[in-house]
Protein backbone atom coordinates (compact mmCIF):
# COMPACT_ATOMS: atom_id res chain seq x y z
CA MET A 1 -7.60 23.26 14.92
CA LEU A 2 -8.96 22.08 18.25
CA ARG A 3 -8.02 24.14 21.28
CA LYS A 4 -7.53 22.62 24.68
CA ALA A 5 -10.52 23.45 26.84
CA PRO A 6 -9.97 25.54 29.98
CA ARG A 7 -10.00 23.48 33.14
CA ALA A 8 -13.28 25.02 34.27
CA SER A 9 -15.09 23.82 31.16
CA ARG A 10 -14.19 20.15 31.55
CA THR A 11 -17.57 19.49 33.15
CA THR A 12 -19.36 20.48 29.94
CA MET A 13 -16.81 18.75 27.64
CA PRO A 14 -16.00 15.38 29.20
CA ARG A 15 -12.49 14.06 28.64
CA TRP A 16 -13.74 11.10 26.64
CA LYS A 17 -15.35 13.47 24.13
CA TRP A 18 -12.13 15.50 23.91
CA LEU A 19 -10.22 12.28 23.29
CA PHE A 20 -12.79 11.28 20.70
CA LEU A 21 -12.40 14.47 18.72
CA GLY A 22 -8.62 14.42 18.98
CA ALA A 23 -8.33 10.80 17.91
CA LEU A 24 -10.83 11.38 15.13
CA LEU A 25 -8.42 13.87 13.56
CA VAL A 26 -5.23 11.84 13.59
CA ILE A 27 -5.35 9.79 10.41
CA PHE A 28 -7.96 12.01 8.79
CA VAL A 29 -5.26 14.67 8.87
CA ALA A 30 -2.93 12.28 7.08
CA GLY A 31 -5.47 10.65 4.84
CA GLY A 32 -8.93 10.18 6.24
CA VAL A 33 -11.61 7.61 6.62
CA TYR A 34 -9.40 4.66 7.44
CA SER A 35 -8.97 5.99 10.95
CA GLY A 36 -12.45 5.00 12.04
CA TYR A 37 -11.24 2.20 14.23
CA LEU A 38 -8.83 4.65 15.85
CA PHE A 39 -11.45 6.66 17.68
CA TYR A 40 -13.64 3.61 18.31
CA THR A 41 -10.86 1.88 20.24
CA THR A 42 -9.87 5.09 22.01
CA ILE A 43 -13.33 5.56 23.47
CA LYS A 44 -13.95 1.88 24.17
CA ASP A 45 -10.69 1.33 26.02
CA PHE A 46 -10.69 4.71 27.70
CA VAL A 47 -14.14 4.15 29.14
CA ALA A 48 -13.28 0.55 30.09
CA HIS A 49 -9.90 1.23 31.73
CA ALA A 50 -9.90 4.99 32.49
CA GLN A 51 -6.21 5.25 31.60
CA LEU A 52 -3.94 5.60 28.59
CA GLY A 53 -1.31 3.20 27.35
CA MET A 54 -3.60 0.20 27.15
CA PRO A 55 -3.27 -1.86 23.97
CA VAL A 56 -6.22 -2.77 21.82
CA GLN A 57 -7.55 -6.27 22.23
CA PRO A 58 -4.87 -8.82 21.24
CA GLY A 59 -7.17 -10.39 18.70
CA LEU A 60 -7.38 -7.09 16.85
CA GLU A 61 -3.63 -6.64 16.58
CA GLN A 62 -3.51 -8.73 13.43
CA GLY A 63 -0.71 -7.53 11.20
CA ARG A 64 1.93 -6.77 13.82
CA ALA A 65 4.89 -9.11 13.69
CA PRO A 66 6.50 -10.33 16.93
CA GLN A 67 9.44 -8.19 18.07
CA GLU A 68 8.80 -5.74 15.23
CA GLU A 69 10.95 -2.62 15.54
CA LEU A 70 8.62 0.36 15.87
CA PRO A 71 9.39 4.08 16.02
CA ASP A 72 8.86 6.47 18.89
CA ILE A 73 5.86 8.17 17.31
CA ALA A 74 6.42 11.38 19.27
CA LYS A 75 9.95 11.75 17.87
CA GLU A 76 10.35 9.63 14.73
CA ARG A 77 8.68 9.34 11.35
CA VAL A 78 5.87 6.76 11.24
CA ASN A 79 4.48 5.04 8.13
CA ILE A 80 0.96 3.62 8.05
CA LEU A 81 -0.56 1.46 5.31
CA LEU A 82 -4.21 2.22 4.58
CA LEU A 83 -6.07 -0.76 3.09
CA GLY A 84 -9.46 -0.57 1.41
CA ILE A 85 -10.85 -4.10 1.12
CA ASP A 86 -12.77 -5.26 -1.94
CA LYS A 87 -15.41 -7.07 0.07
CA ARG A 88 -19.19 -6.90 -0.13
CA ALA A 89 -21.62 -7.17 2.73
CA ASN A 90 -22.03 -10.73 4.05
CA GLU A 91 -19.11 -11.91 1.91
CA LYS A 92 -16.71 -14.29 3.64
CA GLY A 93 -13.21 -15.48 2.88
CA PRO A 94 -10.00 -13.70 1.91
CA SER A 95 -10.19 -10.47 -0.05
CA ARG A 96 -7.95 -8.42 -2.29
CA THR A 97 -7.22 -4.79 -1.57
CA ASP A 98 -8.99 -2.29 -3.80
CA THR A 99 -7.01 0.61 -2.35
CA MET A 100 -3.48 0.86 -0.93
CA ILE A 101 -2.20 4.20 0.35
CA VAL A 102 0.88 4.74 2.48
CA VAL A 103 0.67 7.65 4.91
CA THR A 104 3.90 9.02 6.38
CA ILE A 105 3.95 11.44 9.33
CA ASP A 106 7.04 13.26 10.61
CA PRO A 107 6.61 14.70 14.13
CA ARG A 108 9.76 16.80 13.92
CA SER A 109 8.88 18.79 10.82
CA LYS A 110 5.12 18.55 11.37
CA THR A 111 4.64 17.21 7.83
CA ALA A 112 2.75 14.32 6.27
CA ALA A 113 2.37 12.71 2.86
CA MET A 114 0.15 10.20 1.06
CA LEU A 115 1.39 7.82 -1.65
CA SER A 116 -1.15 5.78 -3.62
CA ILE A 117 -0.03 2.43 -5.02
CA PRO A 118 -1.84 1.07 -8.11
CA ARG A 119 -3.40 -2.29 -7.43
CA ASP A 120 -2.04 -3.79 -10.68
CA LEU A 121 1.61 -3.08 -9.80
CA TRP A 122 3.61 -6.26 -10.59
CA VAL A 123 5.95 -6.95 -7.67
CA PRO A 124 7.51 -9.85 -5.76
CA ILE A 125 5.38 -10.96 -2.82
CA PRO A 126 7.69 -12.28 -0.06
CA GLY A 127 7.47 -16.07 0.06
CA TYR A 128 5.62 -16.15 -3.26
CA SER A 129 6.40 -15.29 -6.87
CA GLU A 130 5.59 -12.02 -8.60
CA ASN A 131 1.97 -10.98 -8.67
CA ARG A 132 -0.25 -7.94 -8.54
CA ILE A 133 0.39 -6.08 -5.31
CA ASN A 134 -3.30 -6.23 -4.38
CA THR A 135 -3.09 -10.04 -4.04
CA ALA A 136 -0.71 -9.82 -1.05
CA HIS A 137 -3.56 -9.34 1.43
CA PHE A 138 -5.56 -12.17 -0.19
CA LEU A 139 -2.61 -14.61 0.02
CA GLY A 140 -1.86 -13.66 3.62
CA GLU A 141 -5.45 -14.33 4.65
CA ARG A 142 -5.84 -17.49 2.60
CA ASP A 143 -2.60 -19.13 3.72
CA LYS A 144 -2.77 -17.93 7.35
CA TYR A 145 0.45 -15.95 7.05
CA PRO A 146 1.71 -14.82 10.51
CA GLY A 147 -0.21 -11.62 11.14
CA GLY A 148 -2.68 -12.39 8.35
CA GLY A 149 -3.33 -10.43 5.18
CA PRO A 150 -2.33 -7.06 6.66
CA ALA A 151 1.10 -8.38 7.68
CA LEU A 152 1.89 -9.74 4.22
CA ALA A 153 0.56 -6.57 2.61
CA LYS A 154 2.80 -4.47 4.89
CA LYS A 155 5.85 -6.58 4.09
CA THR A 156 5.17 -6.50 0.36
CA VAL A 157 4.81 -2.71 0.32
CA GLN A 158 7.95 -2.36 2.45
CA TYR A 159 9.97 -4.43 -0.03
CA THR A 160 8.44 -2.56 -2.98
CA LEU A 161 9.09 0.96 -1.68
CA GLY A 162 12.19 0.32 0.42
CA VAL A 163 10.76 2.04 3.52
CA PRO A 164 9.47 0.44 6.73
CA ILE A 165 5.72 0.04 7.12
CA HIS A 166 4.99 0.25 10.84
CA TYR A 167 1.19 0.00 11.09
CA TYR A 168 -1.93 -0.62 9.06
CA ILE A 169 -5.55 0.51 9.10
CA ARG A 170 -8.07 -1.54 7.12
CA VAL A 171 -11.67 -0.71 6.19
CA ASN A 172 -14.28 -2.40 4.01
CA PHE A 173 -16.62 -0.77 1.51
CA GLU A 174 -19.70 -0.95 3.72
CA GLY A 175 -17.82 0.72 6.55
CA PHE A 176 -16.62 3.49 4.25
CA GLU A 177 -20.16 4.31 3.14
CA LYS A 178 -21.55 4.32 6.66
CA ILE A 179 -18.75 6.44 8.08
CA VAL A 180 -19.23 9.12 5.41
CA ASP A 181 -22.97 9.09 6.07
CA ALA A 182 -22.38 9.29 9.83
CA ILE A 183 -20.33 12.49 9.51
CA GLY A 184 -23.03 14.06 7.35
CA GLY A 185 -21.48 13.49 3.92
CA ILE A 186 -18.62 15.30 2.21
CA THR A 187 -18.21 18.01 -0.40
CA ILE A 188 -16.17 17.30 -3.54
CA ASP A 189 -15.26 19.53 -6.49
CA VAL A 190 -15.74 17.12 -9.39
CA LYS A 191 -13.44 18.37 -12.15
CA GLU A 192 -14.91 16.29 -14.98
CA PRO A 193 -18.25 14.48 -15.31
CA ILE A 194 -18.08 10.75 -14.60
CA HIS A 195 -19.99 8.06 -16.48
CA ASP A 196 -19.49 4.35 -15.89
CA ASP A 197 -21.99 1.78 -17.15
CA LYS A 198 -19.97 -1.12 -15.70
CA TYR A 199 -19.78 -0.21 -12.05
CA PRO A 200 -20.10 -3.40 -9.92
CA ASP A 201 -23.37 -3.69 -8.03
CA GLU A 202 -24.19 -5.75 -4.94
CA ASN A 203 -25.41 -8.74 -6.98
CA TYR A 204 -22.17 -9.36 -8.90
CA GLY A 205 -23.56 -7.53 -11.92
CA TYR A 206 -23.17 -4.00 -13.22
CA MET A 207 -24.92 -0.67 -12.78
CA THR A 208 -24.53 2.78 -14.31
CA VAL A 209 -22.94 5.61 -12.33
CA ASP A 210 -23.26 9.25 -13.41
CA ILE A 211 -21.69 12.06 -11.39
CA PRO A 212 -21.89 15.56 -12.92
CA ALA A 213 -19.01 18.04 -12.82
CA GLY A 214 -19.02 20.82 -10.25
CA ILE A 215 -19.31 21.12 -6.48
CA GLN A 216 -21.15 18.05 -5.22
CA HIS A 217 -22.29 17.10 -1.73
CA MET A 218 -21.93 13.33 -1.55
CA ASP A 219 -23.40 10.73 0.75
CA GLY A 220 -21.43 7.58 1.53
CA LYS A 221 -22.68 5.62 -1.48
CA THR A 222 -21.82 8.37 -3.95
CA ALA A 223 -18.44 9.03 -2.33
CA LEU A 224 -17.55 5.34 -2.65
CA GLN A 225 -18.63 5.33 -6.30
CA TYR A 226 -16.54 8.44 -6.96
CA ALA A 227 -13.51 6.82 -5.33
CA ARG A 228 -13.89 3.40 -6.99
CA VAL A 229 -15.13 4.06 -10.53
CA ARG A 230 -12.56 2.89 -13.12
CA HIS A 231 -14.18 2.81 -16.55
CA GLY A 232 -13.66 5.94 -18.60
CA SER A 233 -10.48 6.84 -16.70
CA SER A 234 -7.17 5.33 -15.66
CA ASP A 235 -6.35 3.70 -12.36
CA PHE A 236 -3.99 6.62 -11.72
CA THR A 237 -6.84 9.13 -12.04
CA ARG A 238 -8.85 6.91 -9.73
CA ALA A 239 -6.06 7.07 -7.12
CA LYS A 240 -6.09 10.87 -7.27
CA ARG A 241 -9.87 10.86 -6.72
CA GLN A 242 -9.41 8.63 -3.69
CA GLN A 243 -6.96 11.11 -2.20
CA GLN A 244 -9.43 13.91 -2.96
CA VAL A 245 -12.10 12.02 -1.03
CA LEU A 246 -9.78 11.53 1.94
CA LYS A 247 -8.98 15.23 2.00
CA ALA A 248 -12.68 16.07 1.87
CA ILE A 249 -13.28 13.83 4.88
CA ARG A 250 -10.40 15.55 6.66
CA ASP A 251 -11.92 18.96 5.92
CA LYS A 252 -15.28 17.84 7.27
CA VAL A 253 -13.74 16.51 10.46
CA LEU A 254 -11.63 19.62 11.00
CA SER A 255 -14.68 21.81 10.56
CA LEU A 256 -16.05 20.17 13.75
CA ASN A 257 -19.40 20.02 12.03
CA ILE A 258 -20.11 16.53 13.34
CA PRO A 259 -23.16 16.41 15.64
CA LEU A 260 -22.39 14.79 18.98
CA THR A 261 -25.60 12.83 18.55
CA LYS A 262 -23.81 10.98 15.73
CA ILE A 263 -20.99 9.72 17.96
CA PRO A 264 -22.68 6.49 19.15
CA GLU A 265 -23.59 5.60 15.57
CA ILE A 266 -20.03 6.21 14.34
CA LEU A 267 -18.60 4.11 17.16
CA ARG A 268 -20.90 1.22 16.30
CA ILE A 269 -20.11 1.44 12.59
CA VAL A 270 -16.37 1.50 12.82
CA GLY A 271 -16.30 -1.25 15.41
CA ASP A 272 -17.57 -3.66 12.75
CA SER A 273 -15.82 -2.26 9.71
CA VAL A 274 -12.29 -1.13 10.57
CA GLN A 275 -9.23 -2.85 12.05
CA THR A 276 -5.73 -1.68 12.97
CA ASP A 277 -2.61 -2.79 14.83
CA LEU A 278 -2.14 0.59 16.55
CA THR A 279 -2.38 0.51 20.33
CA LEU A 280 -4.28 3.03 22.41
CA SER A 281 -1.18 4.91 23.54
CA GLU A 282 0.06 5.09 19.93
CA MET A 283 -3.31 6.41 18.84
CA TYR A 284 -3.29 9.04 21.55
CA THR A 285 0.17 10.24 20.51
CA LEU A 286 -0.89 10.37 16.88
CA ALA A 287 -4.05 12.25 17.82
CA LYS A 288 -2.05 15.02 19.45
CA LEU A 289 0.40 15.09 16.55
CA GLY A 290 -2.24 15.01 13.84
CA ARG A 291 -3.88 18.22 15.03
CA GLU A 292 -0.58 20.06 14.68
CA ILE A 293 -0.10 19.37 10.95
CA PRO A 294 -1.44 22.19 8.72
CA ALA A 295 -2.98 21.38 5.35
CA GLU A 296 -0.13 23.01 3.45
CA ASN A 297 2.30 20.53 5.05
CA ILE A 298 0.54 17.50 3.55
CA LYS A 299 1.87 16.19 0.21
CA ASN A 300 0.14 13.65 -1.96
CA ALA A 301 1.40 11.58 -4.91
CA VAL A 302 0.54 8.55 -7.02
CA ILE A 303 2.78 5.90 -8.57
CA ASP A 304 1.44 6.74 -12.02
CA GLU A 305 2.03 6.19 -15.74
CA THR A 306 5.35 8.07 -15.64
CA MET A 307 6.77 5.41 -13.28
CA THR A 308 5.24 2.24 -14.72
CA THR A 309 5.07 0.29 -17.98
CA PRO A 310 1.92 -1.68 -18.92
CA GLN A 311 2.52 -5.33 -19.77
CA VAL A 312 0.41 -8.42 -20.43
CA THR A 313 1.38 -11.62 -18.60
CA PRO A 314 1.34 -15.06 -20.28
CA ASP A 315 -2.01 -15.61 -18.55
CA GLY A 316 -3.43 -12.52 -20.26
CA ALA A 317 -3.44 -10.31 -17.17
CA GLN A 318 -2.79 -6.60 -17.67
CA VAL A 319 -0.22 -5.46 -15.12
CA LEU A 320 2.11 -2.52 -14.44
CA ILE A 321 5.88 -3.00 -14.28
CA PRO A 322 7.42 -0.40 -11.95
CA ASP A 323 10.35 1.78 -13.01
CA ARG A 324 12.22 1.32 -9.77
CA ALA A 325 14.54 4.28 -10.25
CA ARG A 326 11.64 6.70 -10.66
CA VAL A 327 9.64 5.15 -7.85
CA ARG A 328 12.71 5.39 -5.61
CA ALA A 329 13.10 9.10 -6.43
CA LEU A 330 9.46 9.75 -5.48
CA VAL A 331 9.77 7.74 -2.27
CA ASP A 332 12.92 9.64 -1.32
CA GLU A 333 11.06 12.91 -1.80
CA LEU A 334 8.02 11.93 0.29
CA PHE A 335 9.73 9.81 2.94
CA SER A 336 12.86 11.88 3.50
CA GLY A 337 14.22 12.20 7.00
CA SER A 338 14.17 9.43 9.57
CA ALA A 339 12.42 7.00 7.23
CA SER A 340 15.45 6.90 5.00
CA SER A 341 17.69 5.97 7.90
CA LYS A 342 15.40 3.01 8.64
CA ALA A 343 14.70 2.03 5.04
CA GLY A 344 13.59 -1.43 4.12
CA PRO A 345 15.94 -3.97 2.57
CA SER A 346 17.90 -2.83 -0.48
CA GLU A 347 18.18 -4.92 -3.64
CA LYS A 348 21.59 -6.13 -2.46
CA ASP A 349 20.16 -7.15 0.93
CA LEU A 350 17.30 -9.05 -0.68
CA ILE A 351 19.43 -11.04 -3.11
CA ALA A 352 21.95 -11.78 -0.35
CA GLN A 353 19.18 -13.19 1.85
CA GLU A 354 18.04 -15.56 -0.90
CA ALA A 355 21.55 -16.45 -2.18
CA ALA A 356 19.99 -17.77 -5.37
CA LYS A 357 22.39 -19.76 -7.56
CA ILE A 358 22.38 -18.22 -11.04
CA GLU A 359 23.56 -19.61 -14.35
CA VAL A 360 24.13 -17.10 -17.18
CA GLN A 361 23.88 -18.32 -20.76
CA ASN A 362 24.64 -16.54 -24.03
CA GLY A 363 21.76 -16.94 -26.47
CA THR A 364 23.36 -14.70 -29.12
CA LEU A 365 26.36 -14.67 -31.45
CA THR A 366 28.07 -11.94 -29.39
CA PRO A 367 31.36 -13.44 -28.13
CA GLY A 368 32.00 -13.42 -24.37
CA LEU A 369 28.59 -11.95 -23.48
CA ALA A 370 27.79 -14.54 -20.79
CA GLN A 371 31.16 -14.19 -19.06
CA ARG A 372 31.06 -10.37 -18.99
CA THR A 373 27.50 -10.40 -17.68
CA ALA A 374 28.34 -12.99 -15.02
CA GLU A 375 31.21 -10.83 -13.75
CA TYR A 376 28.93 -7.80 -13.74
CA LEU A 377 26.28 -9.58 -11.68
CA LYS A 378 28.89 -10.87 -9.23
CA SER A 379 30.04 -7.28 -8.66
CA LEU A 380 26.46 -6.46 -7.62
CA GLY A 381 26.35 -9.28 -5.06
CA TYR A 382 24.58 -11.97 -7.08
CA THR A 383 25.67 -15.59 -6.68
CA VAL A 384 26.62 -16.60 -10.23
CA VAL A 385 27.78 -20.23 -10.21
CA SER A 386 28.39 -20.72 -13.94
CA PHE A 387 28.21 -19.20 -17.40
CA SER A 388 28.01 -20.90 -20.81
CA ASN A 389 26.45 -20.80 -24.24
CA ALA A 390 22.73 -21.45 -24.55
CA ASP A 391 21.13 -24.28 -26.53
CA ARG A 392 20.89 -21.95 -29.51
CA PHE A 393 22.06 -18.47 -30.56
CA ASP A 394 18.91 -16.88 -32.00
CA TYR A 395 17.19 -15.66 -28.81
CA ALA A 396 15.62 -12.33 -29.76
CA LYS A 397 14.61 -11.53 -26.18
CA THR A 398 16.25 -12.32 -22.86
CA VAL A 399 14.61 -15.21 -21.00
CA LEU A 400 14.66 -16.02 -17.28
CA ILE A 401 13.87 -19.53 -16.01
CA ASP A 402 12.92 -19.78 -12.34
CA TYR A 403 13.35 -23.22 -10.76
CA THR A 404 12.90 -22.53 -7.03
CA GLY A 405 10.66 -19.48 -6.62
CA LYS A 406 13.18 -17.06 -5.11
CA ALA A 407 11.00 -14.11 -5.94
CA ASN A 408 13.19 -11.21 -4.82
CA THR A 409 16.14 -12.26 -6.99
CA VAL A 410 13.86 -13.08 -9.92
CA ASN A 411 12.18 -9.69 -9.70
CA ALA A 412 15.49 -7.84 -9.41
CA LEU A 413 16.84 -9.56 -12.52
CA VAL A 414 13.59 -8.98 -14.41
CA GLN A 415 13.83 -5.27 -13.64
CA ARG A 416 17.54 -5.01 -14.37
CA PHE A 417 17.36 -6.83 -17.72
CA HIS A 418 13.91 -5.48 -18.72
CA ILE A 419 12.56 -8.99 -19.22
CA LEU A 420 8.97 -9.18 -20.47
CA PRO A 421 6.48 -11.14 -18.29
CA GLU A 422 5.94 -13.73 -21.02
CA ASN A 423 9.69 -14.47 -21.02
CA VAL A 424 9.77 -15.33 -17.31
CA LEU A 425 9.29 -19.11 -17.18
CA ARG A 426 8.66 -21.02 -13.96
CA TYR A 427 9.53 -24.70 -13.60
CA THR A 428 9.47 -25.05 -9.81
CA ASN A 429 8.59 -28.75 -10.07
CA VAL A 430 11.73 -29.53 -12.11
CA GLN A 431 14.97 -30.64 -10.47
CA SER A 432 17.88 -28.29 -11.24
CA ASN A 433 21.33 -27.60 -9.84
CA VAL A 434 20.71 -23.87 -10.16
CA ASP A 435 17.89 -21.66 -8.91
CA ILE A 436 17.75 -19.33 -11.90
CA ARG A 437 18.92 -19.62 -15.50
CA LEU A 438 19.35 -16.31 -17.32
CA ILE A 439 19.51 -16.66 -21.12
CA LEU A 440 20.75 -13.44 -22.71
CA GLY A 441 18.98 -12.41 -25.90
CA GLN A 442 19.70 -10.03 -28.74
CA ASP A 443 17.81 -7.24 -26.99
CA TYR A 444 20.44 -7.29 -24.23
CA ALA A 445 23.38 -7.82 -26.59
CA ALA A 446 22.38 -4.69 -28.53
CA SER A 447 22.53 -2.51 -25.39
CA PRO A 448 24.27 -4.37 -22.54
CA LEU A 449 24.15 -3.04 -18.99
CA ARG A 450 27.87 -2.47 -19.08
């Protein structure tokens, strides 16, 4: 832990260097490399203005919504979305996120946690239909969503987890490599040897990556390969490796084994590679807080195979359907405290906002199934406008037809009725007097929700 220098020594340790080291620790303590822009902006603005409380340049505050309610970082829990961008050098245009990790920091209990979100998680993207969660950033950039890709990614994660996402920090692959190299590399205990003969290279082809088991000192290129490699392991194992890398970066930073001669290089690197919507005063507060969190007070978790079900969409895409009850239990464990009191919209809130008109139809020979289900959904706050028999009575599986693209209600019904992706049909170019038609199949009749 850094100790505050005695007043007499300030001449040998200038305040800007003290600020640099303090700011360098803040997100590394909670998760690592994505904080590069943090200390870059701290030094740049501190030197330029010689005072705290100055915001970063307005153009760099992409992702922050107007009049967004933000916590008092010194007193309330803060949640930060870390985004690793799947973008190669000199590549232009919108990009998907290769990595999404939510960091939560509680100043009262001096605790922090990291939660990794698999990129194939199938969720509603606000204003769009369901899709992989890693497309939220791409859509926000492509369609010039207010606040850009980071803002839509934040909102999507907030709706998925049910907790507020206050800030983001975004880094690209090239920046990751250079930052790790600038701090002198990191040390990783590789539990099992890694072999991947389909690792993407810089020319849109493949290369072979081999990393032996044991204690390995990694440069930036190897660390990125270790964090990104997918073949031969699951995406959940990959997420755990990413958290291991972030902890290794944290350990390196806390060891204070970063030569001061490297500082100008690090500042230059992160200025081109990392963005955030944190202001200088928020960074400074987080810097002081981050140094007070011991390693044993940092939890880490992954939304893994115990909380998801693999499915194949009608387009042939392999996705993960979240088990919302299990995800909610994990989120409650990691984000307990003030985050719960400021949780994101509940299912009831989301369906009330959309007020989607639903028609329930009985596609089985079970008498009264549509009426009972309609009454059940009404008790949950859904707007059911009619119920009837379907066009036939031999539906083996429940089918949902979406006419207007009200994604939150569609997703809630899909989860509640365990509807397979191939049985979610979208006819948004067809005129209809309802928004959603729910056709109950034999799978539901055999084990109804109530």
